[in-house]
Protein backbone atom coordinates (compact mmCIF):
# COMPACT_ATOMS: atom_id res chain seq x y z
CA UNK A 1 0.00 0.00 0.00
CA UNK A 2 1.23 3.45 -0.84
CA UNK A 3 -0.02 6.54 1.00
CA UNK A 4 0.51 10.11 -0.12
CA UNK A 5 0.70 12.81 2.53
CA UNK A 6 0.54 16.56 2.32
CA UNK A 7 3.76 18.37 3.18
CA UNK A 8 2.29 19.33 6.55
CA UNK A 9 1.40 15.74 7.46
CA UNK A 10 4.73 14.47 6.18
CA UNK A 11 6.51 16.97 8.46
CA UNK A 12 4.32 15.91 11.37
CA UNK A 13 5.17 12.23 10.85
CA UNK A 14 8.88 12.99 10.58
CA UNK A 15 8.77 15.12 13.76
CA UNK A 16 7.03 12.34 15.72
CA UNK A 17 9.61 9.80 14.56
CA UNK A 18 12.46 12.20 15.37
CA UNK A 19 11.01 12.74 18.85
CA UNK A 20 11.43 9.05 19.57
CA UNK A 21 7.73 8.42 20.13
CA UNK A 22 7.62 6.14 17.10
CA UNK A 23 10.23 3.98 15.41
CA UNK A 24 8.80 4.52 11.95
CA UNK A 25 5.91 5.97 9.98
CA UNK A 26 4.04 2.66 9.98
CA UNK A 27 3.76 2.67 13.79
CA UNK A 28 2.33 6.20 13.74
CA UNK A 29 -0.11 5.42 10.94
CA UNK A 30 -1.30 2.23 12.67
CA UNK A 31 -1.91 4.13 15.91
CA UNK A 32 -3.71 6.92 14.07
CA UNK A 33 -5.94 4.41 12.29
CA UNK A 34 -6.73 2.59 15.54
CA UNK A 35 -7.72 5.91 17.11
CA UNK A 36 -9.84 6.82 14.09
CA UNK A 37 -11.52 3.43 14.27
CA UNK A 38 -12.33 3.94 17.98
CA UNK A 39 -13.74 7.41 17.24
CA UNK A 40 -15.89 6.03 14.41
CA UNK A 41 -17.21 3.24 16.63
CA UNK A 42 -18.00 5.70 19.41
CA UNK A 43 -19.80 7.99 16.96
CA UNK A 44 -21.81 5.01 15.68
CA UNK A 45 -22.83 4.06 19.23
CA UNK A 46 -23.94 7.65 19.87
CA UNK A 47 -25.90 7.74 16.62
CA UNK A 48 -27.67 4.48 17.42
CA UNK A 49 -28.54 5.74 20.91
CA UNK A 50 -29.95 8.94 19.44
CA UNK A 51 -32.04 6.95 16.99
CA UNK A 52 -33.39 4.75 19.79
CA UNK A 53 -34.42 7.91 21.65
CA UNK A 54 -35.91 9.68 18.64
CA UNK A 55 -37.65 6.80 16.85
CA UNK A 56 -40.55 6.57 19.33
CA UNK A 57 -41.15 10.32 18.97
CA UNK A 58 -41.20 10.07 15.15
CA UNK A 59 -43.57 7.11 15.36
CA UNK A 60 -45.88 9.07 17.66
CA UNK A 61 -45.81 12.02 15.26
CA UNK A 62 -46.63 9.70 12.35
CA UNK A 63 -49.68 8.54 14.32
CA UNK A 64 -50.71 12.18 14.78
CA UNK A 65 -49.76 12.22 18.46
CA UNK A 66 -47.99 15.54 18.64
CA UNK A 67 -48.50 19.09 19.78
CA UNK A 68 -47.97 21.88 17.29
CA UNK A 69 -45.55 24.46 18.59
CA UNK A 70 -45.70 28.18 18.00
CA UNK A 71 -42.09 29.38 17.65
CA UNK A 72 -43.11 33.02 18.14
CA UNK A 73 -44.86 32.22 21.42
CA UNK A 74 -41.85 30.22 22.57
CA UNK A 75 -39.54 33.12 21.75
CA UNK A 76 -41.80 35.58 23.59
CA UNK A 77 -41.82 33.32 26.65
CA UNK A 78 -38.03 32.93 26.59
CA UNK A 79 -37.56 36.65 26.08
CA UNK A 80 -39.84 37.40 29.03
CA UNK A 81 -37.98 34.93 31.22
CA UNK A 82 -34.61 36.35 30.25
CA UNK A 83 -35.50 40.01 30.46
CA UNK A 84 -38.21 39.99 33.11
PDB file of N, CA and C in Angstrom:
ATOM      1  N   UNK A   1       0.850  -1.169   0.000  1.00  0.00           N
ATOM      2  CA  UNK A   1       0.000   0.000   0.000  1.00  0.00           C
ATOM      3  C   UNK A   1       0.896   1.233   0.000  1.00  0.00           C
ATOM      4  N   UNK A   2       0.490   2.194  -0.777  1.00  0.00           N
ATOM      5  CA  UNK A   2       1.227   3.453  -0.837  1.00  0.00           C
ATOM      6  C   UNK A   2       0.293   4.560  -0.378  1.00  0.00           C
ATOM      7  N   UNK A   3       0.787   5.436   0.490  1.00  0.00           N
ATOM      8  CA  UNK A   3      -0.024   6.538   1.002  1.00  0.00           C
ATOM      9  C   UNK A   3       0.689   7.844   0.706  1.00  0.00           C
ATOM     10  N   UNK A   4      -0.051   8.786   0.141  1.00  0.00           N
ATOM     11  CA  UNK A   4       0.514  10.114  -0.124  1.00  0.00           C
ATOM     12  C   UNK A   4       0.069  11.067   0.974  1.00  0.00           C
ATOM     13  N   UNK A   5       0.992  11.853   1.478  1.00  0.00           N
ATOM     14  CA  UNK A   5       0.697  12.813   2.532  1.00  0.00           C
ATOM     15  C   UNK A   5       0.965  14.225   2.034  1.00  0.00           C
ATOM     16  N   UNK A   6       0.227  15.162   2.602  1.00  0.00           N
ATOM     17  CA  UNK A   6       0.541  16.561   2.324  1.00  0.00           C
ATOM     18  C   UNK A   6       1.876  16.878   2.970  1.00  0.00           C
ATOM     19  N   UNK A   7       2.479  17.969   2.574  1.00  0.00           N
ATOM     20  CA  UNK A   7       3.758  18.365   3.177  1.00  0.00           C
ATOM     21  C   UNK A   7       3.623  18.537   4.685  1.00  0.00           C
ATOM     22  N   UNK A   8       2.509  19.102   5.114  1.00  0.00           N
ATOM     23  CA  UNK A   8       2.286  19.331   6.552  1.00  0.00           C
ATOM     24  C   UNK A   8       2.229  18.012   7.312  1.00  0.00           C
ATOM     25  N   UNK A   9       1.493  17.042   6.783  1.00  0.00           N
ATOM     26  CA  UNK A   9       1.403  15.742   7.458  1.00  0.00           C
ATOM     27  C   UNK A   9       2.729  14.997   7.403  1.00  0.00           C
ATOM     28  N   UNK A  10       3.426  15.105   6.301  1.00  0.00           N
ATOM     29  CA  UNK A  10       4.731  14.468   6.183  1.00  0.00           C
ATOM     30  C   UNK A  10       5.685  15.016   7.245  1.00  0.00           C
ATOM     31  N   UNK A  11       5.676  16.332   7.425  1.00  0.00           N
ATOM     32  CA  UNK A  11       6.511  16.972   8.456  1.00  0.00           C
ATOM     33  C   UNK A  11       6.117  16.475   9.842  1.00  0.00           C
ATOM     34  N   UNK A  12       4.820  16.380  10.073  1.00  0.00           N
ATOM     35  CA  UNK A  12       4.317  15.911  11.365  1.00  0.00           C
ATOM     36  C   UNK A  12       4.831  14.496  11.652  1.00  0.00           C
ATOM     37  N   UNK A  13       4.712  13.617  10.678  1.00  0.00           N
ATOM     38  CA  UNK A  13       5.173  12.230  10.851  1.00  0.00           C
ATOM     39  C   UNK A  13       6.672  12.209  11.149  1.00  0.00           C
ATOM     40  N   UNK A  14       7.436  12.964  10.379  1.00  0.00           N
ATOM     41  CA  UNK A  14       8.882  12.994  10.585  1.00  0.00           C
ATOM     42  C   UNK A  14       9.248  13.539  11.971  1.00  0.00           C
ATOM     43  N   UNK A  15       8.508  14.553  12.434  1.00  0.00           N
ATOM     44  CA  UNK A  15       8.765  15.117  13.764  1.00  0.00           C
ATOM     45  C   UNK A  15       8.472  14.095  14.856  1.00  0.00           C
ATOM     46  N   UNK A  16       7.378  13.353  14.708  1.00  0.00           N
ATOM     47  CA  UNK A  16       7.030  12.340  15.718  1.00  0.00           C
ATOM     48  C   UNK A  16       8.073  11.232  15.756  1.00  0.00           C
ATOM     49  N   UNK A  17       8.565  10.828  14.598  1.00  0.00           N
ATOM     50  CA  UNK A  17       9.610   9.799  14.557  1.00  0.00           C
ATOM     51  C   UNK A  17      10.892  10.346  15.177  1.00  0.00           C
ATOM     52  N   UNK A  18      11.248  11.586  14.831  1.00  0.00           N
ATOM     53  CA  UNK A  18      12.463  12.199  15.373  1.00  0.00           C
ATOM     54  C   UNK A  18      12.375  12.372  16.885  1.00  0.00           C
ATOM     55  N   UNK A  19      11.168  12.547  17.404  1.00  0.00           N
ATOM     56  CA  UNK A  19      11.011  12.741  18.849  1.00  0.00           C
ATOM     57  C   UNK A  19      11.245  11.446  19.626  1.00  0.00           C
ATOM     58  N   UNK A  20      11.233  10.330  18.906  1.00  0.00           N
ATOM     59  CA  UNK A  20      11.431   9.049  19.570  1.00  0.00           C
ATOM     60  C   UNK A  20      10.140   8.374  19.991  1.00  0.00           C
ATOM     61  N   UNK A  21       9.009   9.020  19.756  1.00  0.00           N
ATOM     62  CA  UNK A  21       7.732   8.417  20.128  1.00  0.00           C
ATOM     63  C   UNK A  21       7.398   7.212  19.256  1.00  0.00           C
ATOM     64  N   UNK A  22       7.884   7.222  18.039  1.00  0.00           N
ATOM     65  CA  UNK A  22       7.620   6.138  17.099  1.00  0.00           C
ATOM     66  C   UNK A  22       8.923   5.743  16.434  1.00  0.00           C
ATOM     67  N   UNK A  23       9.036   4.462  16.104  1.00  0.00           N
ATOM     68  CA  UNK A  23      10.231   3.982  15.415  1.00  0.00           C
ATOM     69  C   UNK A  23      10.187   4.246  13.922  1.00  0.00           C
ATOM     70  N   UNK A  24       8.950   4.297  13.384  1.00  0.00           N
ATOM     71  CA  UNK A  24       8.805   4.518  11.947  1.00  0.00           C
ATOM     72  C   UNK A  24       7.396   5.031  11.645  1.00  0.00           C
ATOM     73  N   UNK A  25       7.191   5.410  10.391  1.00  0.00           N
ATOM     74  CA  UNK A  25       5.906   5.969   9.978  1.00  0.00           C
ATOM     75  C   UNK A  25       4.780   4.949  10.117  1.00  0.00           C
ATOM     76  N   UNK A  26       5.082   3.692   9.889  1.00  0.00           N
ATOM     77  CA  UNK A  26       4.044   2.658   9.980  1.00  0.00           C
ATOM     78  C   UNK A  26       3.441   2.596  11.379  1.00  0.00           C
ATOM     79  N   UNK A  27       4.270   2.692  12.410  1.00  0.00           N
ATOM     80  CA  UNK A  27       3.757   2.675  13.787  1.00  0.00           C
ATOM     81  C   UNK A  27       2.789   3.836  14.011  1.00  0.00           C
ATOM     82  N   UNK A  28       3.171   5.019  13.562  1.00  0.00           N
ATOM     83  CA  UNK A  28       2.333   6.202  13.739  1.00  0.00           C
ATOM     84  C   UNK A  28       1.025   6.054  12.977  1.00  0.00           C
ATOM     85  N   UNK A  29       1.097   5.585  11.748  1.00  0.00           N
ATOM     86  CA  UNK A  29      -0.112   5.421  10.942  1.00  0.00           C
ATOM     87  C   UNK A  29      -1.033   4.368  11.558  1.00  0.00           C
ATOM     88  N   UNK A  30      -0.468   3.257  12.025  1.00  0.00           N
ATOM     89  CA  UNK A  30      -1.299   2.230  12.668  1.00  0.00           C
ATOM     90  C   UNK A  30      -2.010   2.789  13.890  1.00  0.00           C
ATOM     91  N   UNK A  31      -1.274   3.545  14.727  1.00  0.00           N
ATOM     92  CA  UNK A  31      -1.907   4.129  15.907  1.00  0.00           C
ATOM     93  C   UNK A  31      -2.995   5.124  15.516  1.00  0.00           C
ATOM     94  N   UNK A  32      -2.720   5.940  14.516  1.00  0.00           N
ATOM     95  CA  UNK A  32      -3.714   6.921  14.069  1.00  0.00           C
ATOM     96  C   UNK A  32      -4.968   6.226  13.551  1.00  0.00           C
ATOM     97  N   UNK A  33      -4.783   5.140  12.819  1.00  0.00           N
ATOM     98  CA  UNK A  33      -5.937   4.413  12.291  1.00  0.00           C
ATOM     99  C   UNK A  33      -6.724   3.717  13.395  1.00  0.00           C
ATOM    100  N   UNK A  34      -6.024   3.187  14.397  1.00  0.00           N
ATOM    101  CA  UNK A  34      -6.734   2.585  15.539  1.00  0.00           C
ATOM    102  C   UNK A  34      -7.572   3.635  16.253  1.00  0.00           C
ATOM    103  N   UNK A  35      -6.995   4.825  16.449  1.00  0.00           N
ATOM    104  CA  UNK A  35      -7.718   5.914  17.114  1.00  0.00           C
ATOM    105  C   UNK A  35      -8.917   6.353  16.284  1.00  0.00           C
ATOM    106  N   UNK A  36      -8.741   6.453  14.980  1.00  0.00           N
ATOM    107  CA  UNK A  36      -9.841   6.824  14.092  1.00  0.00           C
ATOM    108  C   UNK A  36     -10.933   5.768  14.144  1.00  0.00           C
ATOM    109  N   UNK A  37     -10.555   4.515  14.178  1.00  0.00           N
ATOM    110  CA  UNK A  37     -11.525   3.427  14.274  1.00  0.00           C
ATOM    111  C   UNK A  37     -12.326   3.523  15.575  1.00  0.00           C
ATOM    112  N   UNK A  38     -11.637   3.787  16.689  1.00  0.00           N
ATOM    113  CA  UNK A  38     -12.329   3.943  17.979  1.00  0.00           C
ATOM    114  C   UNK A  38     -13.303   5.117  17.928  1.00  0.00           C
ATOM    115  N   UNK A  39     -12.873   6.227  17.334  1.00  0.00           N
ATOM    116  CA  UNK A  39     -13.742   7.405  17.237  1.00  0.00           C
ATOM    117  C   UNK A  39     -14.973   7.102  16.384  1.00  0.00           C
ATOM    118  N   UNK A  40     -14.768   6.397  15.271  1.00  0.00           N
ATOM    119  CA  UNK A  40     -15.895   6.030  14.410  1.00  0.00           C
ATOM    120  C   UNK A  40     -16.871   5.117  15.143  1.00  0.00           C
ATOM    121  N   UNK A  41     -16.346   4.148  15.880  1.00  0.00           N
ATOM    122  CA  UNK A  41     -17.209   3.238  16.631  1.00  0.00           C
ATOM    123  C   UNK A  41     -17.988   3.992  17.701  1.00  0.00           C
ATOM    124  N   UNK A  42     -17.333   4.908  18.387  1.00  0.00           N
ATOM    125  CA  UNK A  42     -18.000   5.703  19.413  1.00  0.00           C
ATOM    126  C   UNK A  42     -19.103   6.555  18.793  1.00  0.00           C
ATOM    127  N   UNK A  43     -18.812   7.170  17.655  1.00  0.00           N
ATOM    128  CA  UNK A  43     -19.801   7.993  16.957  1.00  0.00           C
ATOM    129  C   UNK A  43     -20.991   7.137  16.541  1.00  0.00           C
ATOM    130  N   UNK A  44     -20.733   5.905  16.094  1.00  0.00           N
ATOM    131  CA  UNK A  44     -21.810   5.014  15.685  1.00  0.00           C
ATOM    132  C   UNK A  44     -22.690   4.645  16.875  1.00  0.00           C
ATOM    133  N   UNK A  45     -22.068   4.375  18.014  1.00  0.00           N
ATOM    134  CA  UNK A  45     -22.832   4.057  19.232  1.00  0.00           C
ATOM    135  C   UNK A  45     -23.708   5.246  19.616  1.00  0.00           C
ATOM    136  N   UNK A  46     -23.164   6.457  19.551  1.00  0.00           N
ATOM    137  CA  UNK A  46     -23.935   7.652  19.872  1.00  0.00           C
ATOM    138  C   UNK A  46     -25.095   7.841  18.906  1.00  0.00           C
ATOM    139  N   UNK A  47     -24.849   7.611  17.630  1.00  0.00           N
ATOM    140  CA  UNK A  47     -25.900   7.744  16.625  1.00  0.00           C
ATOM    141  C   UNK A  47     -27.020   6.743  16.868  1.00  0.00           C
ATOM    142  N   UNK A  48     -26.660   5.511  17.158  1.00  0.00           N
ATOM    143  CA  UNK A  48     -27.665   4.481  17.420  1.00  0.00           C
ATOM    144  C   UNK A  48     -28.474   4.816  18.670  1.00  0.00           C
ATOM    145  N   UNK A  49     -27.824   5.351  19.695  1.00  0.00           N
ATOM    146  CA  UNK A  49     -28.538   5.745  20.912  1.00  0.00           C
ATOM    147  C   UNK A  49     -29.507   6.888  20.612  1.00  0.00           C
ATOM    148  N   UNK A  50     -29.067   7.833  19.809  1.00  0.00           N
ATOM    149  CA  UNK A  50     -29.952   8.944  19.437  1.00  0.00           C
ATOM    150  C   UNK A  50     -31.160   8.437  18.669  1.00  0.00           C
ATOM    151  N   UNK A  51     -30.919   7.502  17.760  1.00  0.00           N
ATOM    152  CA  UNK A  51     -32.039   6.949  16.993  1.00  0.00           C
ATOM    153  C   UNK A  51     -33.028   6.225  17.891  1.00  0.00           C
ATOM    154  N   UNK A  52     -32.499   5.459  18.862  1.00  0.00           N
ATOM    155  CA  UNK A  52     -33.394   4.753  19.790  1.00  0.00           C
ATOM    156  C   UNK A  52     -34.247   5.746  20.569  1.00  0.00           C
ATOM    157  N   UNK A  53     -33.673   6.898  20.896  1.00  0.00           N
ATOM    158  CA  UNK A  53     -34.418   7.912  21.649  1.00  0.00           C
ATOM    159  C   UNK A  53     -35.434   8.627  20.759  1.00  0.00           C
ATOM    160  N   UNK A  54     -35.048   8.889  19.514  1.00  0.00           N
ATOM    161  CA  UNK A  54     -35.907   9.679  18.636  1.00  0.00           C
ATOM    162  C   UNK A  54     -36.974   8.862  17.912  1.00  0.00           C
ATOM    163  N   UNK A  55     -36.700   7.611  17.614  1.00  0.00           N
ATOM    164  CA  UNK A  55     -37.653   6.803  16.850  1.00  0.00           C
ATOM    165  C   UNK A  55     -39.052   6.769  17.460  1.00  0.00           C
ATOM    166  N   UNK A  56     -39.191   6.566  18.771  1.00  0.00           N
ATOM    167  CA  UNK A  56     -40.547   6.569  19.331  1.00  0.00           C
ATOM    168  C   UNK A  56     -41.268   7.909  19.118  1.00  0.00           C
ATOM    169  N   UNK A  57     -40.521   9.006  19.175  1.00  0.00           N
ATOM    170  CA  UNK A  57     -41.147  10.316  18.966  1.00  0.00           C
ATOM    171  C   UNK A  57     -41.618  10.464  17.519  1.00  0.00           C
ATOM    172  N   UNK A  58     -40.784  10.013  16.562  1.00  0.00           N
ATOM    173  CA  UNK A  58     -41.204  10.074  15.155  1.00  0.00           C
ATOM    174  C   UNK A  58     -42.422   9.190  14.915  1.00  0.00           C
ATOM    175  N   UNK A  59     -42.426   8.015  15.519  1.00  0.00           N
ATOM    176  CA  UNK A  59     -43.567   7.106  15.356  1.00  0.00           C
ATOM    177  C   UNK A  59     -44.834   7.734  15.928  1.00  0.00           C
ATOM    178  N   UNK A  60     -44.718   8.387  17.069  1.00  0.00           N
ATOM    179  CA  UNK A  60     -45.877   9.065  17.661  1.00  0.00           C
ATOM    180  C   UNK A  60     -46.353  10.187  16.743  1.00  0.00           C
ATOM    181  N   UNK A  61     -45.430  10.933  16.181  1.00  0.00           N
ATOM    182  CA  UNK A  61     -45.805  12.019  15.264  1.00  0.00           C
ATOM    183  C   UNK A  61     -46.496  11.454  14.028  1.00  0.00           C
ATOM    184  N   UNK A  62     -45.996  10.329  13.517  1.00  0.00           N
ATOM    185  CA  UNK A  62     -46.631   9.698  12.354  1.00  0.00           C
ATOM    186  C   UNK A  62     -48.063   9.268  12.656  1.00  0.00           C
ATOM    187  N   UNK A  63     -48.326   8.936  13.921  1.00  0.00           N
ATOM    188  CA  UNK A  63     -49.683   8.544  14.323  1.00  0.00           C
ATOM    189  C   UNK A  63     -50.546   9.776  14.626  1.00  0.00           C
ATOM    190  N   UNK A  64     -49.969  10.950  14.502  1.00  0.00           N
ATOM    191  CA  UNK A  64     -50.715  12.177  14.780  1.00  0.00           C
ATOM    192  C   UNK A  64     -50.696  12.565  16.241  1.00  0.00           C
ATOM    193  N   UNK A  65     -49.847  11.939  17.020  1.00  0.00           N
ATOM    194  CA  UNK A  65     -49.761  12.216  18.456  1.00  0.00           C
ATOM    195  C   UNK A  65     -48.664  13.240  18.707  1.00  0.00           C
ATOM    196  N   UNK A  66     -48.976  14.481  18.413  1.00  0.00           N
ATOM    197  CA  UNK A  66     -47.993  15.536  18.641  1.00  0.00           C
ATOM    198  C   UNK A  66     -48.716  16.828  18.972  1.00  0.00           C
ATOM    199  N   UNK A  67     -47.964  17.770  19.456  1.00  0.00           N
ATOM    200  CA  UNK A  67     -48.496  19.086  19.775  1.00  0.00           C
ATOM    201  C   UNK A  67     -47.788  20.084  18.869  1.00  0.00           C
ATOM    202  N   UNK A  68     -48.565  20.855  18.144  1.00  0.00           N
ATOM    203  CA  UNK A  68     -47.974  21.878  17.290  1.00  0.00           C
ATOM    204  C   UNK A  68     -47.387  22.977  18.170  1.00  0.00           C
ATOM    205  N   UNK A  69     -46.211  23.415  17.824  1.00  0.00           N
ATOM    206  CA  UNK A  69     -45.546  24.462  18.594  1.00  0.00           C
ATOM    207  C   UNK A  69     -45.595  25.770  17.831  1.00  0.00           C
ATOM    208  N   UNK A  70     -45.712  26.842  18.579  1.00  0.00           N
ATOM    209  CA  UNK A  70     -45.702  28.181  18.001  1.00  0.00           C
ATOM    210  C   UNK A  70     -44.357  28.812  18.328  1.00  0.00           C
ATOM    211  N   UNK A  71     -43.422  28.853  17.374  1.00  0.00           N
ATOM    212  CA  UNK A  71     -42.089  29.380  17.655  1.00  0.00           C
ATOM    213  C   UNK A  71     -42.109  30.815  18.171  1.00  0.00           C
ATOM    214  N   UNK A  72     -43.041  31.636  17.668  1.00  0.00           N
ATOM    215  CA  UNK A  72     -43.113  33.021  18.139  1.00  0.00           C
ATOM    216  C   UNK A  72     -43.507  33.088  19.611  1.00  0.00           C
ATOM    217  N   UNK A  73     -44.438  32.247  20.013  1.00  0.00           N
ATOM    218  CA  UNK A  73     -44.857  32.217  21.419  1.00  0.00           C
ATOM    219  C   UNK A  73     -43.712  31.720  22.300  1.00  0.00           C
ATOM    220  N   UNK A  74     -42.991  30.730  21.811  1.00  0.00           N
ATOM    221  CA  UNK A  74     -41.851  30.217  22.574  1.00  0.00           C
ATOM    222  C   UNK A  74     -40.807  31.315  22.738  1.00  0.00           C
ATOM    223  N   UNK A  75     -40.515  32.034  21.669  1.00  0.00           N
ATOM    224  CA  UNK A  75     -39.539  33.124  21.745  1.00  0.00           C
ATOM    225  C   UNK A  75     -39.994  34.224  22.688  1.00  0.00           C
ATOM    226  N   UNK A  76     -41.289  34.549  22.663  1.00  0.00           N
ATOM    227  CA  UNK A  76     -41.796  35.579  23.588  1.00  0.00           C
ATOM    228  C   UNK A  76     -41.643  35.116  25.037  1.00  0.00           C
ATOM    229  N   UNK A  77     -41.945  33.858  25.297  1.00  0.00           N
ATOM    230  CA  UNK A  77     -41.817  33.316  26.651  1.00  0.00           C
ATOM    231  C   UNK A  77     -40.366  33.345  27.098  1.00  0.00           C
ATOM    232  N   UNK A  78     -39.468  32.907  26.232  1.00  0.00           N
ATOM    233  CA  UNK A  78     -38.034  32.932  26.586  1.00  0.00           C
ATOM    234  C   UNK A  78     -37.549  34.350  26.806  1.00  0.00           C
ATOM    235  N   UNK A  79     -37.971  35.254  25.945  1.00  0.00           N
ATOM    236  CA  UNK A  79     -37.560  36.653  26.085  1.00  0.00           C
ATOM    237  C   UNK A  79     -38.063  37.240  27.404  1.00  0.00           C
ATOM    238  N   UNK A  80     -39.295  36.903  27.761  1.00  0.00           N
ATOM    239  CA  UNK A  80     -39.842  37.402  29.026  1.00  0.00           C
ATOM    240  C   UNK A  80     -39.094  36.822  30.206  1.00  0.00           C
ATOM    241  N   UNK A  81     -38.733  35.546  30.119  1.00  0.00           N
ATOM    242  CA  UNK A  81     -37.981  34.931  31.219  1.00  0.00           C
ATOM    243  C   UNK A  81     -36.582  35.515  31.343  1.00  0.00           C
ATOM    244  N   UNK A  82     -35.967  35.818  30.222  1.00  0.00           N
ATOM    245  CA  UNK A  82     -34.607  36.351  30.246  1.00  0.00           C
ATOM    246  C   UNK A  82     -34.556  37.822  30.656  1.00  0.00           C
ATOM    247  N   UNK A  83     -35.550  38.567  30.241  1.00  0.00           N
ATOM    248  CA  UNK A  83     -35.504  40.014  30.458  1.00  0.00           C
ATOM    249  C   UNK A  83     -36.561  40.513  31.435  1.00  0.00           C
ATOM    250  N   UNK A  84     -37.255  39.610  32.066  1.00  0.00           N
ATOM    251  CA  UNK A  84     -38.211  39.986  33.112  1.00  0.00           C
ATOM    252  C   UNK A  84     -39.391  40.596  32.593  1.00  0.00           C
TER     253      UNK A  84
END
